[in-house]
Amino acid sequence: MKLIFTLALCFFGLTGFAQNWEITPNYIKIPSVSTFPDSLAGRIVFKTPENKLYSYDGASWQPLAFLKQAGFSAQIKCCNDYPAYPTAVDLDNAEFTYGTGGFSADNDSYTVPSDGTYQVSASFTTTTSLYPPVYFFFAIYIYKNGNPIRTHIQSNLSSETNVTISSQHVIKLKAGDLIQMKIAHNYYATAIRANPAGSYFSMIKIY
């Protein structure tokens, strides 16, 4: 078995670290170094005193990043009337939350827990009504710290049957940013309401 393992190390170009490797049923011990060795792309070492894994990308040693998942998803409640001007949607309790982010159904907002890139998804489905709006425009806004940073607008809409307006964004955010979804429209004859089955707001950290 020792001979086979040594040959495997040679095959993968790791003979320089062969004496430091160890495989058990519970863990793999990776070579530990205090200074980076000369290497080829794809090699991995455990660096002290940082106590981190590094990979050589062909030009330099780079720390291996570990993504801590964060985010939430929540439906929009029925049956609030939304005025024409930008108004925060009324979020229901979260269907799920990941990480330590501050989702608040009371404040209809999400506080970003850590710096990173987030996938932001927003969707609003109108309900049918006695006087369905026709040829109206509808806007979805993503607000950060009280200011709009993304806008998606659709025009010439009709809710004689339910109409769904959706937007997808990838946004770089910082810890502590307060994020909200707001909507606006130009239909004044009657208010617009959400059909919860097609209305939601969600965010997931992707990097």
N, C-alpha and C. Protein backbone atom coordinates (compact mmCIF):
# COMPACT_ATOMS: atom_id res chain seq x y z
N MET A 1 0.83 -1.20 0.00
CA MET A 1 0.00 0.00 0.00
C MET A 1 0.87 1.25 0.00
N LYS A 2 1.97 1.26 0.80
CA LYS A 2 2.84 2.41 0.86
C LYS A 2 3.48 2.68 -0.50
N LEU A 3 3.86 1.61 -1.21
CA LEU A 3 4.47 1.75 -2.52
C LEU A 3 3.47 2.35 -3.51
N ILE A 4 2.23 1.87 -3.46
CA ILE A 4 1.21 2.39 -4.37
C ILE A 4 0.96 3.86 -4.11
N PHE A 5 0.87 4.25 -2.82
CA PHE A 5 0.64 5.65 -2.47
C PHE A 5 1.79 6.53 -2.93
N THR A 6 3.05 6.06 -2.75
CA THR A 6 4.21 6.83 -3.19
C THR A 6 4.20 7.03 -4.69
N LEU A 7 3.84 5.97 -5.43
CA LEU A 7 3.76 6.09 -6.88
C LEU A 7 2.69 7.09 -7.28
N ALA A 8 1.56 7.11 -6.55
CA ALA A 8 0.50 8.07 -6.86
C ALA A 8 0.98 9.48 -6.66
N LEU A 9 1.75 9.70 -5.60
CA LEU A 9 2.29 11.04 -5.36
C LEU A 9 3.22 11.46 -6.48
N CYS A 10 4.04 10.53 -6.94
CA CYS A 10 4.95 10.84 -8.06
C CYS A 10 4.14 11.21 -9.29
N PHE A 11 3.09 10.46 -9.53
CA PHE A 11 2.27 10.70 -10.72
C PHE A 11 1.70 12.10 -10.72
N PHE A 12 1.29 12.60 -9.58
CA PHE A 12 0.70 13.93 -9.50
C PHE A 12 1.74 15.02 -9.24
N GLY A 13 3.00 14.68 -9.30
CA GLY A 13 4.04 15.70 -9.16
C GLY A 13 4.19 16.22 -7.76
N LEU A 14 3.90 15.37 -6.76
CA LEU A 14 3.93 15.84 -5.38
C LEU A 14 5.01 15.16 -4.57
N THR A 15 6.00 14.58 -5.22
CA THR A 15 7.01 13.83 -4.49
C THR A 15 7.80 14.71 -3.54
N GLY A 16 7.86 16.02 -3.84
CA GLY A 16 8.60 16.92 -2.97
C GLY A 16 7.98 17.02 -1.59
N PHE A 17 6.66 16.68 -1.51
CA PHE A 17 5.99 16.78 -0.22
C PHE A 17 5.58 15.41 0.30
N ALA A 18 6.07 14.33 -0.33
CA ALA A 18 5.55 13.00 -0.02
C ALA A 18 5.67 12.66 1.45
N GLN A 19 6.77 13.09 2.09
CA GLN A 19 6.97 12.72 3.48
C GLN A 19 5.99 13.42 4.41
N ASN A 20 5.29 14.47 3.94
CA ASN A 20 4.38 15.23 4.79
C ASN A 20 2.92 14.84 4.60
N TRP A 21 2.62 14.10 3.57
CA TRP A 21 1.23 13.74 3.30
C TRP A 21 0.79 12.58 4.20
N GLU A 22 -0.51 12.63 4.55
CA GLU A 22 -1.09 11.54 5.33
C GLU A 22 -2.57 11.45 5.01
N ILE A 23 -3.05 10.27 4.71
CA ILE A 23 -4.46 10.04 4.44
C ILE A 23 -5.00 9.06 5.48
N THR A 24 -6.07 9.45 6.13
CA THR A 24 -6.74 8.59 7.10
C THR A 24 -8.23 8.55 6.74
N PRO A 25 -9.00 7.70 7.39
CA PRO A 25 -10.45 7.70 7.10
C PRO A 25 -11.14 9.00 7.49
N ASN A 26 -10.49 9.83 8.30
CA ASN A 26 -11.15 11.03 8.82
C ASN A 26 -10.62 12.35 8.24
N TYR A 27 -9.42 12.36 7.67
CA TYR A 27 -8.87 13.61 7.16
C TYR A 27 -7.72 13.34 6.21
N ILE A 28 -7.32 14.39 5.49
CA ILE A 28 -6.12 14.38 4.66
C ILE A 28 -5.20 15.47 5.18
N LYS A 29 -3.98 15.10 5.51
CA LYS A 29 -2.99 16.07 5.95
C LYS A 29 -2.27 16.61 4.72
N ILE A 30 -2.31 17.93 4.54
CA ILE A 30 -1.69 18.58 3.38
C ILE A 30 -0.34 19.15 3.81
N PRO A 31 0.67 19.13 2.93
CA PRO A 31 1.98 19.65 3.30
C PRO A 31 1.92 21.05 3.91
N SER A 32 2.62 21.23 5.01
CA SER A 32 2.66 22.51 5.71
C SER A 32 3.99 23.19 5.43
N VAL A 33 3.92 24.47 5.04
CA VAL A 33 5.14 25.22 4.72
C VAL A 33 5.10 26.56 5.42
N SER A 34 6.27 27.10 5.71
CA SER A 34 6.34 28.45 6.27
C SER A 34 6.69 29.48 5.21
N THR A 35 7.26 29.03 4.10
CA THR A 35 7.52 29.88 2.94
C THR A 35 7.04 29.14 1.70
N PHE A 36 6.54 29.88 0.72
CA PHE A 36 6.01 29.25 -0.48
C PHE A 36 7.14 28.65 -1.32
N PRO A 37 6.97 27.41 -1.76
CA PRO A 37 7.98 26.77 -2.61
C PRO A 37 7.78 27.16 -4.08
N ASP A 38 8.79 26.90 -4.89
CA ASP A 38 8.59 26.98 -6.33
C ASP A 38 7.58 25.90 -6.71
N SER A 39 6.69 26.23 -7.66
CA SER A 39 5.63 25.27 -7.93
C SER A 39 5.08 25.42 -9.34
N LEU A 40 4.11 24.55 -9.66
CA LEU A 40 3.38 24.57 -10.90
C LEU A 40 1.91 24.82 -10.61
N ALA A 41 1.16 25.26 -11.61
CA ALA A 41 -0.25 25.56 -11.45
C ALA A 41 -1.01 24.35 -10.93
N GLY A 42 -1.88 24.59 -9.95
CA GLY A 42 -2.73 23.53 -9.41
C GLY A 42 -2.24 22.94 -8.11
N ARG A 43 -1.01 23.26 -7.67
CA ARG A 43 -0.50 22.72 -6.41
C ARG A 43 -1.14 23.45 -5.23
N ILE A 44 -1.30 22.72 -4.12
CA ILE A 44 -1.91 23.27 -2.91
C ILE A 44 -0.99 23.00 -1.73
N VAL A 45 -0.84 24.01 -0.86
CA VAL A 45 -0.08 23.85 0.38
C VAL A 45 -0.86 24.49 1.53
N PHE A 46 -0.50 24.06 2.74
CA PHE A 46 -1.04 24.66 3.96
C PHE A 46 0.04 25.58 4.52
N LYS A 47 -0.24 26.89 4.57
CA LYS A 47 0.78 27.89 4.91
C LYS A 47 0.67 28.29 6.37
N THR A 48 1.82 28.24 7.07
CA THR A 48 1.90 28.76 8.44
C THR A 48 2.77 30.02 8.40
N PRO A 49 2.57 30.97 9.29
CA PRO A 49 1.66 30.93 10.45
C PRO A 49 0.22 31.35 10.14
N GLU A 50 -0.11 31.62 8.85
CA GLU A 50 -1.47 32.06 8.53
C GLU A 50 -2.51 30.98 8.77
N ASN A 51 -2.06 29.70 8.71
CA ASN A 51 -2.97 28.56 8.86
C ASN A 51 -4.10 28.62 7.82
N LYS A 52 -3.69 28.77 6.55
CA LYS A 52 -4.63 28.82 5.44
C LYS A 52 -4.12 27.95 4.29
N LEU A 53 -5.08 27.47 3.48
CA LEU A 53 -4.74 26.76 2.26
C LEU A 53 -4.48 27.76 1.14
N TYR A 54 -3.42 27.48 0.36
CA TYR A 54 -3.09 28.31 -0.80
C TYR A 54 -2.95 27.41 -2.03
N SER A 55 -3.34 27.95 -3.18
CA SER A 55 -3.20 27.25 -4.45
C SER A 55 -2.37 28.10 -5.39
N TYR A 56 -1.50 27.43 -6.17
CA TYR A 56 -0.66 28.16 -7.12
C TYR A 56 -1.39 28.23 -8.46
N ASP A 57 -1.64 29.46 -8.98
CA ASP A 57 -2.41 29.63 -10.20
C ASP A 57 -1.56 29.72 -11.46
N GLY A 58 -0.28 29.43 -11.31
CA GLY A 58 0.64 29.52 -12.44
C GLY A 58 1.50 30.76 -12.41
N ALA A 59 1.07 31.76 -11.62
CA ALA A 59 1.83 33.00 -11.50
C ALA A 59 2.15 33.34 -10.05
N SER A 60 1.22 33.01 -9.14
CA SER A 60 1.42 33.34 -7.73
C SER A 60 0.55 32.44 -6.87
N TRP A 61 0.87 32.40 -5.58
CA TRP A 61 0.07 31.65 -4.61
C TRP A 61 -1.12 32.48 -4.17
N GLN A 62 -2.31 31.88 -4.23
CA GLN A 62 -3.54 32.58 -3.87
C GLN A 62 -4.27 31.81 -2.77
N PRO A 63 -4.80 32.52 -1.76
CA PRO A 63 -5.55 31.82 -0.70
C PRO A 63 -6.84 31.24 -1.26
N LEU A 64 -7.20 30.06 -0.80
CA LEU A 64 -8.46 29.46 -1.20
C LEU A 64 -9.59 30.11 -0.40
N ALA A 65 -10.60 30.60 -1.13
CA ALA A 65 -11.71 31.30 -0.47
C ALA A 65 -12.82 30.31 -0.14
N PHE A 66 -13.44 30.52 1.01
CA PHE A 66 -14.57 29.71 1.44
C PHE A 66 -15.79 30.62 1.55
N LEU A 67 -16.81 30.32 0.76
CA LEU A 67 -18.01 31.15 0.74
C LEU A 67 -18.93 30.77 1.89
N LYS A 68 -19.28 31.75 2.70
CA LYS A 68 -20.29 31.56 3.74
C LYS A 68 -21.62 32.03 3.18
N GLN A 69 -22.54 31.09 3.02
CA GLN A 69 -23.81 31.39 2.38
C GLN A 69 -24.61 32.40 3.19
N ALA A 70 -25.28 33.31 2.48
CA ALA A 70 -26.12 34.31 3.13
C ALA A 70 -27.25 34.67 2.18
N GLY A 71 -28.39 35.03 2.75
CA GLY A 71 -29.50 35.47 1.92
C GLY A 71 -30.85 35.11 2.51
N PHE A 72 -31.90 35.37 1.71
CA PHE A 72 -33.27 35.12 2.16
C PHE A 72 -34.19 35.07 0.95
N SER A 73 -35.41 34.61 1.18
CA SER A 73 -36.48 34.72 0.20
C SER A 73 -37.80 34.89 0.93
N ALA A 74 -38.63 35.81 0.45
CA ALA A 74 -39.93 36.06 1.09
C ALA A 74 -40.96 36.45 0.03
N GLN A 75 -42.19 35.97 0.21
CA GLN A 75 -43.29 36.39 -0.65
C GLN A 75 -43.76 37.78 -0.25
N ILE A 76 -44.45 38.44 -1.19
CA ILE A 76 -45.09 39.72 -0.92
C ILE A 76 -46.52 39.44 -0.46
N LYS A 77 -46.92 40.08 0.60
CA LYS A 77 -48.24 39.82 1.18
C LYS A 77 -49.37 40.28 0.27
N CYS A 78 -50.50 39.67 0.45
CA CYS A 78 -51.76 40.13 -0.11
C CYS A 78 -52.52 40.80 1.05
N CYS A 79 -53.20 41.87 0.92
CA CYS A 79 -53.62 42.45 -0.34
C CYS A 79 -53.53 43.97 -0.21
N ASN A 80 -52.34 44.49 -0.06
CA ASN A 80 -52.16 45.92 0.09
C ASN A 80 -52.41 46.64 -1.23
N ASP A 81 -52.90 47.87 -1.12
CA ASP A 81 -53.03 48.74 -2.29
C ASP A 81 -51.75 49.57 -2.40
N TYR A 82 -51.12 49.51 -3.58
CA TYR A 82 -49.87 50.24 -3.79
C TYR A 82 -50.11 51.49 -4.61
N PRO A 83 -49.72 52.64 -4.08
CA PRO A 83 -49.91 53.90 -4.82
C PRO A 83 -48.95 54.00 -6.00
N ALA A 84 -49.06 55.09 -6.74
CA ALA A 84 -48.26 55.26 -7.96
C ALA A 84 -46.78 55.48 -7.67
N TYR A 85 -46.47 56.21 -6.60
CA TYR A 85 -45.07 56.56 -6.33
C TYR A 85 -44.33 55.37 -5.72
N PRO A 86 -42.98 55.39 -5.79
CA PRO A 86 -42.21 54.24 -5.28
C PRO A 86 -42.53 53.92 -3.82
N THR A 87 -42.94 52.68 -3.59
CA THR A 87 -43.37 52.24 -2.27
C THR A 87 -42.77 50.88 -1.98
N ALA A 88 -42.26 50.70 -0.77
CA ALA A 88 -41.69 49.41 -0.38
C ALA A 88 -42.78 48.35 -0.35
N VAL A 89 -42.47 47.18 -0.91
CA VAL A 89 -43.45 46.08 -0.89
C VAL A 89 -43.56 45.54 0.53
N ASP A 90 -44.72 45.01 0.84
CA ASP A 90 -44.99 44.47 2.17
C ASP A 90 -44.60 42.99 2.17
N LEU A 91 -43.46 42.67 2.80
CA LEU A 91 -42.94 41.31 2.78
C LEU A 91 -43.56 40.45 3.88
N ASP A 92 -43.83 39.22 3.51
CA ASP A 92 -44.29 38.23 4.48
C ASP A 92 -43.08 37.68 5.23
N ASN A 93 -43.31 36.78 6.18
CA ASN A 93 -42.19 36.14 6.87
C ASN A 93 -41.33 35.39 5.86
N ALA A 94 -40.04 35.36 6.10
CA ALA A 94 -39.11 34.74 5.16
C ALA A 94 -39.38 33.25 5.04
N GLU A 95 -39.35 32.75 3.79
CA GLU A 95 -39.46 31.32 3.57
C GLU A 95 -38.19 30.62 4.00
N PHE A 96 -37.05 31.32 3.87
CA PHE A 96 -35.78 30.81 4.39
C PHE A 96 -34.83 31.99 4.56
N THR A 97 -33.89 31.83 5.46
CA THR A 97 -32.78 32.77 5.63
C THR A 97 -31.51 31.96 5.80
N TYR A 98 -30.41 32.45 5.23
CA TYR A 98 -29.10 31.84 5.40
C TYR A 98 -28.17 32.87 6.05
N GLY A 99 -27.27 32.37 6.89
CA GLY A 99 -26.28 33.24 7.48
C GLY A 99 -26.86 34.14 8.54
N THR A 100 -26.17 35.26 8.76
CA THR A 100 -26.52 36.16 9.86
C THR A 100 -27.17 37.45 9.37
N GLY A 101 -27.62 37.47 8.13
CA GLY A 101 -28.23 38.68 7.58
C GLY A 101 -29.48 39.08 8.33
N GLY A 102 -29.79 40.36 8.33
CA GLY A 102 -30.90 40.88 9.10
C GLY A 102 -32.16 41.05 8.27
N PHE A 103 -32.87 39.95 8.01
CA PHE A 103 -34.16 40.08 7.33
C PHE A 103 -35.20 40.61 8.31
N SER A 104 -36.02 41.56 7.85
CA SER A 104 -37.06 42.12 8.72
C SER A 104 -38.37 42.25 7.94
N ALA A 105 -39.37 41.44 8.31
CA ALA A 105 -40.69 41.59 7.71
C ALA A 105 -41.37 42.85 8.23
N ASP A 106 -41.00 43.30 9.42
CA ASP A 106 -41.58 44.53 9.98
C ASP A 106 -41.13 45.76 9.20
N ASN A 107 -39.85 45.77 8.80
CA ASN A 107 -39.31 46.92 8.07
C ASN A 107 -39.23 46.68 6.57
N ASP A 108 -39.65 45.47 6.12
CA ASP A 108 -39.62 45.12 4.69
C ASP A 108 -38.25 45.37 4.09
N SER A 109 -37.22 44.83 4.76
CA SER A 109 -35.85 45.11 4.35
C SER A 109 -34.93 43.94 4.70
N TYR A 110 -33.72 44.02 4.16
CA TYR A 110 -32.69 43.03 4.46
C TYR A 110 -31.38 43.77 4.67
N THR A 111 -30.73 43.49 5.80
CA THR A 111 -29.44 44.09 6.10
C THR A 111 -28.34 43.11 5.71
N VAL A 112 -27.47 43.53 4.80
CA VAL A 112 -26.42 42.66 4.26
C VAL A 112 -25.45 42.29 5.38
N PRO A 113 -25.16 40.99 5.58
CA PRO A 113 -24.30 40.58 6.69
C PRO A 113 -22.81 40.70 6.42
N SER A 114 -22.40 40.63 5.14
CA SER A 114 -20.97 40.64 4.83
C SER A 114 -20.74 41.13 3.40
N ASP A 115 -19.55 41.69 3.18
CA ASP A 115 -19.19 42.15 1.84
C ASP A 115 -19.28 40.99 0.86
N GLY A 116 -19.73 41.26 -0.36
CA GLY A 116 -19.77 40.21 -1.37
C GLY A 116 -20.64 40.59 -2.54
N THR A 117 -20.79 39.63 -3.46
CA THR A 117 -21.63 39.79 -4.64
C THR A 117 -22.90 38.98 -4.44
N TYR A 118 -24.04 39.63 -4.66
CA TYR A 118 -25.33 39.02 -4.37
C TYR A 118 -26.21 38.96 -5.63
N GLN A 119 -26.91 37.85 -5.78
CA GLN A 119 -27.95 37.72 -6.79
C GLN A 119 -29.25 38.23 -6.16
N VAL A 120 -29.83 39.27 -6.78
CA VAL A 120 -31.05 39.88 -6.25
C VAL A 120 -32.19 39.63 -7.24
N SER A 121 -33.26 39.01 -6.76
CA SER A 121 -34.40 38.67 -7.61
C SER A 121 -35.66 39.31 -7.05
N ALA A 122 -36.40 39.98 -7.92
CA ALA A 122 -37.62 40.65 -7.51
C ALA A 122 -38.72 40.37 -8.53
N SER A 123 -39.91 40.02 -8.05
CA SER A 123 -41.02 39.71 -8.95
C SER A 123 -42.33 40.20 -8.33
N PHE A 124 -43.20 40.74 -9.19
CA PHE A 124 -44.50 41.22 -8.72
C PHE A 124 -45.55 40.80 -9.73
N THR A 125 -46.56 40.04 -9.27
CA THR A 125 -47.68 39.64 -10.11
C THR A 125 -48.92 40.39 -9.66
N THR A 126 -49.56 41.11 -10.60
CA THR A 126 -50.75 41.86 -10.25
C THR A 126 -51.95 40.93 -10.12
N THR A 127 -52.94 41.37 -9.36
CA THR A 127 -54.18 40.61 -9.24
C THR A 127 -55.22 41.17 -10.20
N THR A 128 -56.13 40.32 -10.61
CA THR A 128 -57.26 40.82 -11.39
C THR A 128 -58.15 41.64 -10.46
N SER A 129 -58.92 42.54 -11.02
CA SER A 129 -59.79 43.39 -10.22
C SER A 129 -61.02 43.77 -11.03
N LEU A 130 -61.96 44.45 -10.37
CA LEU A 130 -63.19 44.86 -11.04
C LEU A 130 -62.89 45.81 -12.20
N TYR A 131 -61.91 46.69 -11.99
CA TYR A 131 -61.52 47.63 -13.04
C TYR A 131 -60.04 47.42 -13.34
N PRO A 132 -59.73 46.38 -14.11
CA PRO A 132 -58.31 46.06 -14.35
C PRO A 132 -57.59 47.16 -15.10
N PRO A 133 -56.40 47.53 -14.65
CA PRO A 133 -55.63 48.57 -15.35
C PRO A 133 -55.16 48.07 -16.71
N VAL A 134 -55.21 48.95 -17.69
CA VAL A 134 -54.81 48.61 -19.06
C VAL A 134 -53.84 49.67 -19.55
N TYR A 135 -52.80 49.23 -20.26
CA TYR A 135 -51.79 50.11 -20.86
C TYR A 135 -51.10 50.98 -19.81
N PHE A 136 -50.73 50.36 -18.74
CA PHE A 136 -50.00 51.09 -17.70
C PHE A 136 -48.54 50.66 -17.71
N PHE A 137 -47.68 51.46 -17.08
CA PHE A 137 -46.29 51.02 -16.89
C PHE A 137 -46.09 50.65 -15.44
N PHE A 138 -45.13 49.78 -15.22
CA PHE A 138 -44.84 49.27 -13.88
C PHE A 138 -43.33 49.25 -13.70
N ALA A 139 -42.87 49.70 -12.54
CA ALA A 139 -41.44 49.76 -12.27
C ALA A 139 -41.11 49.02 -10.98
N ILE A 140 -40.02 48.23 -11.03
CA ILE A 140 -39.46 47.60 -9.85
C ILE A 140 -38.13 48.28 -9.55
N TYR A 141 -37.95 48.70 -8.31
CA TYR A 141 -36.71 49.34 -7.88
C TYR A 141 -36.03 48.49 -6.81
N ILE A 142 -34.72 48.47 -6.84
CA ILE A 142 -33.93 47.95 -5.74
C ILE A 142 -33.28 49.15 -5.06
N TYR A 143 -33.59 49.32 -3.79
CA TYR A 143 -33.06 50.45 -3.01
C TYR A 143 -31.93 49.97 -2.10
N LYS A 144 -30.88 50.77 -2.01
CA LYS A 144 -29.80 50.52 -1.06
C LYS A 144 -29.61 51.76 -0.20
N ASN A 145 -29.79 51.59 1.08
CA ASN A 145 -29.61 52.69 2.04
C ASN A 145 -30.44 53.91 1.66
N GLY A 146 -31.67 53.65 1.19
CA GLY A 146 -32.60 54.73 0.91
C GLY A 146 -32.51 55.31 -0.49
N ASN A 147 -31.64 54.76 -1.34
CA ASN A 147 -31.47 55.29 -2.69
C ASN A 147 -31.63 54.17 -3.73
N PRO A 148 -32.29 54.48 -4.86
CA PRO A 148 -32.45 53.45 -5.89
C PRO A 148 -31.12 53.15 -6.59
N ILE A 149 -30.79 51.87 -6.74
CA ILE A 149 -29.55 51.50 -7.43
C ILE A 149 -29.82 50.64 -8.67
N ARG A 150 -31.02 50.06 -8.79
CA ARG A 150 -31.41 49.30 -9.97
C ARG A 150 -32.89 49.59 -10.25
N THR A 151 -33.24 49.67 -11.54
CA THR A 151 -34.63 49.90 -11.94
C THR A 151 -34.96 49.02 -13.12
N HIS A 152 -36.15 48.43 -13.09
CA HIS A 152 -36.65 47.66 -14.23
C HIS A 152 -38.07 48.14 -14.51
N ILE A 153 -38.31 48.62 -15.75
CA ILE A 153 -39.61 49.20 -16.11
C ILE A 153 -40.20 48.46 -17.31
N GLN A 154 -41.49 48.14 -17.23
CA GLN A 154 -42.23 47.59 -18.36
C GLN A 154 -43.45 48.46 -18.62
N SER A 155 -43.78 48.65 -19.91
CA SER A 155 -44.90 49.52 -20.26
C SER A 155 -45.93 48.75 -21.08
N ASN A 156 -47.07 49.43 -21.34
CA ASN A 156 -48.17 48.85 -22.12
C ASN A 156 -48.66 47.54 -21.54
N LEU A 157 -48.82 47.52 -20.23
CA LEU A 157 -49.26 46.31 -19.54
C LEU A 157 -50.78 46.32 -19.33
N SER A 158 -51.34 45.15 -19.14
CA SER A 158 -52.74 45.01 -18.80
C SER A 158 -52.90 43.88 -17.80
N SER A 159 -53.71 44.09 -16.76
CA SER A 159 -53.91 43.05 -15.76
C SER A 159 -55.27 42.39 -15.88
N GLU A 160 -55.85 42.42 -17.08
CA GLU A 160 -57.08 41.68 -17.29
C GLU A 160 -56.87 40.21 -16.95
N THR A 161 -55.68 39.71 -17.22
CA THR A 161 -55.19 38.49 -16.61
C THR A 161 -53.95 38.90 -15.83
N ASN A 162 -53.57 38.11 -14.85
CA ASN A 162 -52.44 38.49 -14.01
C ASN A 162 -51.19 38.76 -14.84
N VAL A 163 -50.54 39.86 -14.54
CA VAL A 163 -49.31 40.24 -15.23
C VAL A 163 -48.15 40.12 -14.25
N THR A 164 -47.05 39.50 -14.67
CA THR A 164 -45.88 39.35 -13.82
C THR A 164 -44.73 40.19 -14.36
N ILE A 165 -44.15 41.00 -13.49
CA ILE A 165 -42.99 41.82 -13.81
C ILE A 165 -41.85 41.34 -12.93
N SER A 166 -40.72 40.98 -13.53
CA SER A 166 -39.60 40.43 -12.77
C SER A 166 -38.30 41.13 -13.15
N SER A 167 -37.36 41.12 -12.23
CA SER A 167 -36.03 41.66 -12.51
C SER A 167 -34.99 40.83 -11.77
N GLN A 168 -33.84 40.69 -12.40
CA GLN A 168 -32.72 39.95 -11.84
C GLN A 168 -31.47 40.82 -11.92
N HIS A 169 -30.73 40.90 -10.83
CA HIS A 169 -29.53 41.73 -10.79
C HIS A 169 -28.44 41.02 -10.00
N VAL A 170 -27.20 41.27 -10.40
CA VAL A 170 -26.04 40.86 -9.62
C VAL A 170 -25.38 42.13 -9.11
N ILE A 171 -25.32 42.28 -7.79
CA ILE A 171 -24.91 43.55 -7.19
C ILE A 171 -23.84 43.30 -6.14
N LYS A 172 -22.80 44.10 -6.17
CA LYS A 172 -21.76 44.04 -5.14
C LYS A 172 -22.18 44.92 -3.97
N LEU A 173 -22.24 44.33 -2.78
CA LEU A 173 -22.75 45.03 -1.61
C LEU A 173 -21.75 44.94 -0.46
N LYS A 174 -21.96 45.81 0.52
CA LYS A 174 -21.10 45.83 1.70
C LYS A 174 -21.90 45.47 2.94
N ALA A 175 -21.21 44.96 3.94
CA ALA A 175 -21.85 44.64 5.21
C ALA A 175 -22.54 45.89 5.76
N GLY A 176 -23.79 45.72 6.19
CA GLY A 176 -24.54 46.82 6.76
C GLY A 176 -25.46 47.53 5.78
N ASP A 177 -25.30 47.28 4.47
CA ASP A 177 -26.20 47.89 3.49
C ASP A 177 -27.64 47.43 3.74
N LEU A 178 -28.57 48.39 3.68
CA LEU A 178 -29.99 48.09 3.87
C LEU A 178 -30.67 48.03 2.51
N ILE A 179 -31.23 46.87 2.17
CA ILE A 179 -31.78 46.64 0.84
C ILE A 179 -33.31 46.50 0.92
N GLN A 180 -34.01 47.17 -0.03
CA GLN A 180 -35.46 47.07 -0.11
C GLN A 180 -35.89 46.93 -1.57
N MET A 181 -37.04 46.32 -1.77
CA MET A 181 -37.70 46.29 -3.07
C MET A 181 -38.87 47.26 -3.03
N LYS A 182 -38.91 48.15 -4.04
CA LYS A 182 -40.03 49.09 -4.14
C LYS A 182 -40.65 49.00 -5.52
N ILE A 183 -41.92 49.38 -5.62
CA ILE A 183 -42.60 49.39 -6.90
C ILE A 183 -43.28 50.74 -7.14
N ALA A 184 -43.52 51.02 -8.42
CA ALA A 184 -44.26 52.22 -8.80
C ALA A 184 -45.00 51.93 -10.10
N HIS A 185 -46.05 52.72 -10.38
CA HIS A 185 -46.82 52.54 -11.61
C HIS A 185 -47.51 53.86 -11.93
N ASN A 186 -48.19 53.92 -13.06
CA ASN A 186 -48.89 55.16 -13.43
C ASN A 186 -50.39 54.92 -13.60
N TYR A 187 -50.91 53.90 -12.91
CA TYR A 187 -52.33 53.64 -13.01
C TYR A 187 -53.04 54.28 -11.82
N TYR A 188 -53.90 55.27 -12.10
CA TYR A 188 -54.49 56.05 -11.02
C TYR A 188 -55.95 55.69 -10.76
N ALA A 189 -56.61 54.94 -11.66
CA ALA A 189 -58.03 54.67 -11.50
C ALA A 189 -58.30 53.78 -10.28
N THR A 190 -57.40 52.86 -10.03
CA THR A 190 -57.53 51.99 -8.86
C THR A 190 -56.13 51.53 -8.45
N ALA A 191 -56.01 51.11 -7.23
CA ALA A 191 -54.70 50.68 -6.76
C ALA A 191 -54.33 49.34 -7.36
N ILE A 192 -53.03 49.04 -7.33
CA ILE A 192 -52.52 47.75 -7.79
C ILE A 192 -52.19 46.90 -6.57
N ARG A 193 -52.55 45.63 -6.66
CA ARG A 193 -52.30 44.69 -5.57
C ARG A 193 -51.45 43.54 -6.06
N ALA A 194 -50.84 42.83 -5.08
CA ALA A 194 -49.96 41.71 -5.41
C ALA A 194 -50.70 40.39 -5.29
N ASN A 195 -50.41 39.48 -6.21
CA ASN A 195 -50.79 38.09 -6.07
C ASN A 195 -49.58 37.37 -5.46
N PRO A 196 -49.65 36.95 -4.20
CA PRO A 196 -48.47 36.40 -3.52
C PRO A 196 -47.83 35.21 -4.24
N ALA A 197 -48.64 34.45 -4.99
CA ALA A 197 -48.09 33.27 -5.66
C ALA A 197 -47.00 33.63 -6.66
N GLY A 198 -47.05 34.85 -7.19
CA GLY A 198 -46.03 35.26 -8.16
C GLY A 198 -45.25 36.48 -7.74
N SER A 199 -45.32 36.84 -6.45
CA SER A 199 -44.68 38.07 -5.98
C SER A 199 -43.73 37.75 -4.84
N TYR A 200 -42.45 38.06 -5.04
CA TYR A 200 -41.46 37.72 -4.03
C TYR A 200 -40.23 38.62 -4.16
N PHE A 201 -39.40 38.56 -3.15
CA PHE A 201 -38.12 39.28 -3.13
C PHE A 201 -37.11 38.35 -2.48
N SER A 202 -35.95 38.16 -3.14
CA SER A 202 -34.96 37.25 -2.58
C SER A 202 -33.55 37.73 -2.92
N MET A 203 -32.61 37.33 -2.08
CA MET A 203 -31.19 37.65 -2.27
C MET A 203 -30.37 36.45 -1.84
N ILE A 204 -29.33 36.12 -2.62
CA ILE A 204 -28.41 35.04 -2.28
C ILE A 204 -26.99 35.52 -2.57
N LYS A 205 -26.10 35.32 -1.62
CA LYS A 205 -24.69 35.66 -1.82
C LYS A 205 -24.06 34.59 -2.73
N ILE A 206 -23.44 35.05 -3.83
CA ILE A 206 -22.87 34.11 -4.78
C ILE A 206 -21.35 34.17 -4.81
N TYR A 207 -20.75 35.19 -4.17
CA TYR A 207 -19.28 35.26 -4.12
C TYR A 207 -18.86 36.20 -3.01
